[in-house]
Amino acid sequence: MSALTLTPLQMQQTLTERVHLCFSQAEQKLGRPFPRPQIHCNMRGRAAGSARLQTWELRFNPALFAANYQAFLDEVVPHEVAHLLVHALWGAGRGKGRVLPHGRQWQSVMREVFNLEPRTTHSFDLAVLAQPSVTYACACQQHQLSIRRHNKVARGEANYHCRRCKQVLTRP
């Protein structure tokens, strides 16, 4: 199945199934049950996923998921589940016994539970995240402003200046 054709609901279901599989695998290896987290597919930006320990939630980036379907399921989901497992097993810790986000406990879970090499960051192509832009100009060159910045200019909330010539940017 191609992730490019998945609806938001299908993305949510696919991620939920993969998260549940990861937890089942962990329960089998570690010999104890774990509660299932809430799963959201609403992240923006460059991060592929995040684990919210206190609220027991996982968040995933739908754009990166769609563009990197199999790698996302194979690597990102176990990575984020590992954060929750570490929190459940060792807690947050304080002082010298503090559990680091990608410390030895997390690395151990990645290797021993999921049989994965512990990598702290993804290497996905971020071009899929590119936002449309609007062309503006000054005396010396053209500039591409994000839609958000363009809207601020259009509403009269902001002006942007060229770093080189210091002129206010305007629509050509």
C-alpha atoms as a PDB file:
ATOM      1  CA  MET A   1       0.000   0.000   0.000  1.00  0.00           C
ATOM      2  CA  SER A   2       1.314   3.462  -0.829  1.00  0.00           C
ATOM      3  CA  ALA A   3       1.121   6.039   1.907  1.00  0.00           C
ATOM      4  CA  LEU A   4       0.563   8.748  -0.692  1.00  0.00           C
ATOM      5  CA  THR A   5      -2.941   7.385  -1.218  1.00  0.00           C
ATOM      6  CA  LEU A   6      -3.820   6.992   2.469  1.00  0.00           C
ATOM      7  CA  THR A   7      -6.541   9.162   3.966  1.00  0.00           C
ATOM      8  CA  PRO A   8      -5.857  10.787   7.360  1.00  0.00           C
ATOM      9  CA  LEU A   9      -8.045   8.107   8.990  1.00  0.00           C
ATOM     10  CA  GLN A  10      -6.086   5.313   7.279  1.00  0.00           C
ATOM     11  CA  MET A  11      -2.812   6.929   8.393  1.00  0.00           C
ATOM     12  CA  GLN A  12      -4.093   7.032  11.972  1.00  0.00           C
ATOM     13  CA  GLN A  13      -5.192   3.382  11.795  1.00  0.00           C
ATOM     14  CA  THR A  14      -1.887   2.240  10.270  1.00  0.00           C
ATOM     15  CA  LEU A  15       0.141   4.062  12.921  1.00  0.00           C
ATOM     16  CA  THR A  16      -2.117   2.749  15.706  1.00  0.00           C
ATOM     17  CA  GLU A  17      -1.690  -0.839  14.491  1.00  0.00           C
ATOM     18  CA  ARG A  18       2.099  -0.438  14.320  1.00  0.00           C
ATOM     19  CA  VAL A  19       2.247   1.117  17.803  1.00  0.00           C
ATOM     20  CA  HIS A  20       0.171  -1.766  19.217  1.00  0.00           C
ATOM     21  CA  LEU A  21       2.483  -4.278  17.513  1.00  0.00           C
ATOM     22  CA  CYS A  22       5.516  -2.583  19.061  1.00  0.00           C
ATOM     23  CA  PHE A  23       3.919  -2.703  22.516  1.00  0.00           C
ATOM     24  CA  SER A  24       3.003  -6.371  22.061  1.00  0.00           C
ATOM     25  CA  GLN A  25       6.587  -7.129  21.056  1.00  0.00           C
ATOM     26  CA  ALA A  26       7.855  -5.266  24.142  1.00  0.00           C
ATOM     27  CA  GLU A  27       5.424  -7.081  26.428  1.00  0.00           C
ATOM     28  CA  GLN A  28       6.588 -10.419  25.088  1.00  0.00           C
ATOM     29  CA  LYS A  29      10.289  -9.558  25.500  1.00  0.00           C
ATOM     30  CA  LEU A  30       9.956  -7.797  28.849  1.00  0.00           C
ATOM     31  CA  GLY A  31       7.309 -10.036  30.394  1.00  0.00           C
ATOM     32  CA  ARG A  32       4.942  -7.316  31.576  1.00  0.00           C
ATOM     33  CA  PRO A  33       1.991  -5.336  30.222  1.00  0.00           C
ATOM     34  CA  PHE A  34       2.056  -1.672  29.248  1.00  0.00           C
ATOM     35  CA  PRO A  35      -0.878   0.704  28.745  1.00  0.00           C
ATOM     36  CA  ARG A  36      -1.475   1.833  25.175  1.00  0.00           C
ATOM     37  CA  PRO A  37      -0.857   5.512  24.430  1.00  0.00           C
ATOM     38  CA  GLN A  38      -3.035   8.011  22.661  1.00  0.00           C
ATOM     39  CA  ILE A  39      -1.812   8.413  19.090  1.00  0.00           C
ATOM     40  CA  HIS A  40      -2.021  11.609  17.076  1.00  0.00           C
ATOM     41  CA  CYS A  41      -1.004  12.199  13.488  1.00  0.00           C
ATOM     42  CA  ASN A  42      -0.838  15.979  13.653  1.00  0.00           C
ATOM     43  CA  MET A  43       2.805  16.998  14.013  1.00  0.00           C
ATOM     44  CA  ARG A  44       4.263  19.720  11.867  1.00  0.00           C
ATOM     45  CA  GLY A  45       7.815  20.732  11.218  1.00  0.00           C
ATOM     46  CA  ARG A  46      10.931  18.655  10.745  1.00  0.00           C
ATOM     47  CA  ALA A  47      10.456  16.111  13.527  1.00  0.00           C
ATOM     48  CA  ALA A  48       9.062  12.741  12.456  1.00  0.00           C
ATOM     49  CA  GLY A  49       7.548  11.947  15.829  1.00  0.00           C
ATOM     50  CA  SER A  50       7.529  12.711  19.521  1.00  0.00           C
ATOM     51  CA  ALA A  51       6.625  10.981  22.743  1.00  0.00           C
ATOM     52  CA  ARG A  52       4.880  12.909  25.496  1.00  0.00           C
ATOM     53  CA  LEU A  53       5.757  10.992  28.617  1.00  0.00           C
ATOM     54  CA  GLN A  54       3.513  12.668  31.197  1.00  0.00           C
ATOM     55  CA  THR A  55       0.360  12.381  29.077  1.00  0.00           C
ATOM     56  CA  TRP A  56       1.329   9.009  27.544  1.00  0.00           C
ATOM     57  CA  GLU A  57       0.890  10.181  23.968  1.00  0.00           C
ATOM     58  CA  LEU A  58       2.665   9.664  20.680  1.00  0.00           C
ATOM     59  CA  ARG A  59       2.578  12.256  17.915  1.00  0.00           C
ATOM     60  CA  PHE A  60       3.599  11.671  14.317  1.00  0.00           C
ATOM     61  CA  ASN A  61       4.215  13.883  11.286  1.00  0.00           C
ATOM     62  CA  PRO A  62       1.760  12.923   8.509  1.00  0.00           C
ATOM     63  CA  ALA A  63       3.779  14.560   5.699  1.00  0.00           C
ATOM     64  CA  LEU A  64       6.954  12.646   6.596  1.00  0.00           C
ATOM     65  CA  PHE A  65       4.939   9.464   7.126  1.00  0.00           C
ATOM     66  CA  ALA A  66       3.375   9.729   3.663  1.00  0.00           C
ATOM     67  CA  ALA A  67       6.742  10.352   2.015  1.00  0.00           C
ATOM     68  CA  ASN A  68       8.665   7.670   3.965  1.00  0.00           C
ATOM     69  CA  TYR A  69       6.008   5.050   4.633  1.00  0.00           C
ATOM     70  CA  GLN A  70       8.014   1.870   5.278  1.00  0.00           C
ATOM     71  CA  ALA A  71      10.992   3.521   6.995  1.00  0.00           C
ATOM     72  CA  PHE A  72       8.557   5.399   9.209  1.00  0.00           C
ATOM     73  CA  LEU A  73       6.835   2.205  10.327  1.00  0.00           C
ATOM     74  CA  ASP A  74      10.127   0.332  10.709  1.00  0.00           C
ATOM     75  CA  GLU A  75      12.128   3.003  12.537  1.00  0.00           C
ATOM     76  CA  VAL A  76      10.174   6.058  13.725  1.00  0.00           C
ATOM     77  CA  VAL A  77       7.318   4.234  15.452  1.00  0.00           C
ATOM     78  CA  PRO A  78       9.608   1.909  17.483  1.00  0.00           C
ATOM     79  CA  HIS A  79      11.837   4.912  18.294  1.00  0.00           C
ATOM     80  CA  GLU A  80       8.931   6.809  19.857  1.00  0.00           C
ATOM     81  CA  VAL A  81       7.465   3.733  21.565  1.00  0.00           C
ATOM     82  CA  ALA A  82      10.909   3.113  23.105  1.00  0.00           C
ATOM     83  CA  HIS A  83      10.701   6.523  24.812  1.00  0.00           C
ATOM     84  CA  LEU A  84       7.433   5.533  26.492  1.00  0.00           C
ATOM     85  CA  LEU A  85       8.795   2.122  27.475  1.00  0.00           C
ATOM     86  CA  VAL A  86      11.882   3.682  29.059  1.00  0.00           C
ATOM     87  CA  HIS A  87       9.682   6.084  30.997  1.00  0.00           C
ATOM     88  CA  ALA A  88       7.500   3.192  32.213  1.00  0.00           C
ATOM     89  CA  LEU A  89      10.504   1.052  33.175  1.00  0.00           C
ATOM     90  CA  TRP A  90      12.881   3.621  34.682  1.00  0.00           C
ATOM     91  CA  GLY A  91      10.850   6.801  35.176  1.00  0.00           C
ATOM     92  CA  ALA A  92      12.170  10.270  34.557  1.00  0.00           C
ATOM     93  CA  GLY A  93      14.837  10.093  37.254  1.00  0.00           C
ATOM     94  CA  ARG A  94      16.550  13.031  38.926  1.00  0.00           C
ATOM     95  CA  GLY A  95      20.136  14.055  39.444  1.00  0.00           C
ATOM     96  CA  LYS A  96      22.783  11.405  38.824  1.00  0.00           C
ATOM     97  CA  GLY A  97      20.255   8.654  38.098  1.00  0.00           C
ATOM     98  CA  ARG A  98      18.531  10.762  35.447  1.00  0.00           C
ATOM     99  CA  VAL A  99      17.283   8.929  32.369  1.00  0.00           C
ATOM    100  CA  LEU A 100      18.414  10.727  29.220  1.00  0.00           C
ATOM    101  CA  PRO A 101      16.076  10.844  26.203  1.00  0.00           C
ATOM    102  CA  HIS A 102      18.484   8.846  24.011  1.00  0.00           C
ATOM    103  CA  GLY A 103      20.603   7.454  26.815  1.00  0.00           C
ATOM    104  CA  ARG A 104      21.709   3.904  27.553  1.00  0.00           C
ATOM    105  CA  GLN A 105      18.236   2.722  28.635  1.00  0.00           C
ATOM    106  CA  TRP A 106      16.628   3.932  25.416  1.00  0.00           C
ATOM    107  CA  GLN A 107      19.463   2.457  23.351  1.00  0.00           C
ATOM    108  CA  SER A 108      19.043  -0.833  25.175  1.00  0.00           C
ATOM    109  CA  VAL A 109      15.313  -0.942  24.414  1.00  0.00           C
ATOM    110  CA  MET A 110      15.966  -0.160  20.747  1.00  0.00           C
ATOM    111  CA  ARG A 111      18.520  -2.976  20.469  1.00  0.00           C
ATOM    112  CA  GLU A 112      17.082  -5.650  22.743  1.00  0.00           C
ATOM    113  CA  VAL A 113      13.346  -5.169  22.230  1.00  0.00           C
ATOM    114  CA  PHE A 114      13.132  -3.934  18.644  1.00  0.00           C
ATOM    115  CA  ASN A 115      16.412  -5.275  17.213  1.00  0.00           C
ATOM    116  CA  LEU A 116      17.172  -1.856  15.759  1.00  0.00           C
ATOM    117  CA  GLU A 117      20.286   0.255  15.729  1.00  0.00           C
ATOM    118  CA  PRO A 118      19.520   3.220  18.014  1.00  0.00           C
ATOM    119  CA  ARG A 119      19.530   6.370  15.886  1.00  0.00           C
ATOM    120  CA  THR A 120      18.534   9.653  17.458  1.00  0.00           C
ATOM    121  CA  THR A 121      17.505  11.443  14.257  1.00  0.00           C
ATOM    122  CA  HIS A 122      15.960  10.516  10.952  1.00  0.00           C
ATOM    123  CA  SER A 123      17.530  11.207   7.570  1.00  0.00           C
ATOM    124  CA  PHE A 124      14.319  11.765   5.608  1.00  0.00           C
ATOM    125  CA  ASP A 125      14.241  14.196   2.702  1.00  0.00           C
ATOM    126  CA  LEU A 126      12.572  17.313   4.067  1.00  0.00           C
ATOM    127  CA  ALA A 127      11.617  18.665   0.623  1.00  0.00           C
ATOM    128  CA  VAL A 128       8.095  17.279   1.166  1.00  0.00           C
ATOM    129  CA  LEU A 129       7.694  19.851   3.935  1.00  0.00           C
ATOM    130  CA  ALA A 130       8.385  22.814   1.645  1.00  0.00           C
ATOM    131  CA  GLN A 131       5.690  25.425   1.960  1.00  0.00           C
ATOM    132  CA  PRO A 132       4.540  27.534  -0.973  1.00  0.00           C
ATOM    133  CA  SER A 133       6.085  30.994  -1.034  1.00  0.00           C
ATOM    134  CA  VAL A 134       5.323  34.425  -2.438  1.00  0.00           C
ATOM    135  CA  THR A 135       7.852  36.535  -4.329  1.00  0.00           C
ATOM    136  CA  TYR A 136       8.807  39.936  -2.883  1.00  0.00           C
ATOM    137  CA  ALA A 137      11.540  42.320  -4.007  1.00  0.00           C
ATOM    138  CA  CYS A 138      13.792  45.101  -2.814  1.00  0.00           C
ATOM    139  CA  ALA A 139      16.293  47.299  -4.708  1.00  0.00           C
ATOM    140  CA  CYS A 140      18.911  44.552  -5.031  1.00  0.00           C
ATOM    141  CA  GLN A 141      17.194  41.156  -5.313  1.00  0.00           C
ATOM    142  CA  GLN A 142      14.066  39.014  -5.081  1.00  0.00           C
ATOM    143  CA  HIS A 143      13.009  37.231  -1.879  1.00  0.00           C
ATOM    144  CA  GLN A 144      10.677  34.302  -1.210  1.00  0.00           C
ATOM    145  CA  LEU A 145       8.416  34.876   1.785  1.00  0.00           C
ATOM    146  CA  SER A 146       6.452  32.064   3.380  1.00  0.00           C
ATOM    147  CA  ILE A 147       2.676  32.190   3.133  1.00  0.00           C
ATOM    148  CA  ARG A 148       2.544  33.016   6.850  1.00  0.00           C
ATOM    149  CA  ARG A 149       4.831  36.044   6.414  1.00  0.00           C
ATOM    150  CA  HIS A 150       3.012  37.122   3.248  1.00  0.00           C
ATOM    151  CA  ASN A 151      -0.308  37.038   5.126  1.00  0.00           C
ATOM    152  CA  LYS A 152       1.161  39.172   7.911  1.00  0.00           C
ATOM    153  CA  VAL A 153       2.265  41.760   5.335  1.00  0.00           C
ATOM    154  CA  ALA A 154      -1.148  41.636   3.623  1.00  0.00           C
ATOM    155  CA  ARG A 155      -2.921  42.243   6.962  1.00  0.00           C
ATOM    156  CA  GLY A 156      -0.581  45.129   7.796  1.00  0.00           C
ATOM    157  CA  GLU A 157       0.858  43.296  10.819  1.00  0.00           C
ATOM    158  CA  ALA A 158       4.470  43.155   9.647  1.00  0.00           C
ATOM    159  CA  ASN A 159       7.048  44.489   7.210  1.00  0.00           C
ATOM    160  CA  TYR A 160      10.189  42.633   6.220  1.00  0.00           C
ATOM    161  CA  HIS A 161      13.476  44.208   5.181  1.00  0.00           C
ATOM    162  CA  CYS A 162      16.320  43.058   2.962  1.00  0.00           C
ATOM    163  CA  ARG A 163      19.391  42.251   5.022  1.00  0.00           C
ATOM    164  CA  ARG A 164      21.665  43.586   2.288  1.00  0.00           C
ATOM    165  CA  CYS A 165      20.075  46.898   1.199  1.00  0.00           C
ATOM    166  CA  LYS A 166      17.782  47.347   4.232  1.00  0.00           C
ATOM    167  CA  GLN A 167      14.757  48.280   2.042  1.00  0.00           C
ATOM    168  CA  VAL A 168      11.246  47.155   2.883  1.00  0.00           C
ATOM    169  CA  LEU A 169      10.251  44.151   0.770  1.00  0.00           C
ATOM    170  CA  THR A 170       7.347  44.742  -1.611  1.00  0.00           C
ATOM    171  CA  ARG A 171       5.403  42.694  -4.171  1.00  0.00           C
ATOM    172  CA  PRO A 172       6.888  43.216  -7.661  1.00  0.00           C
END
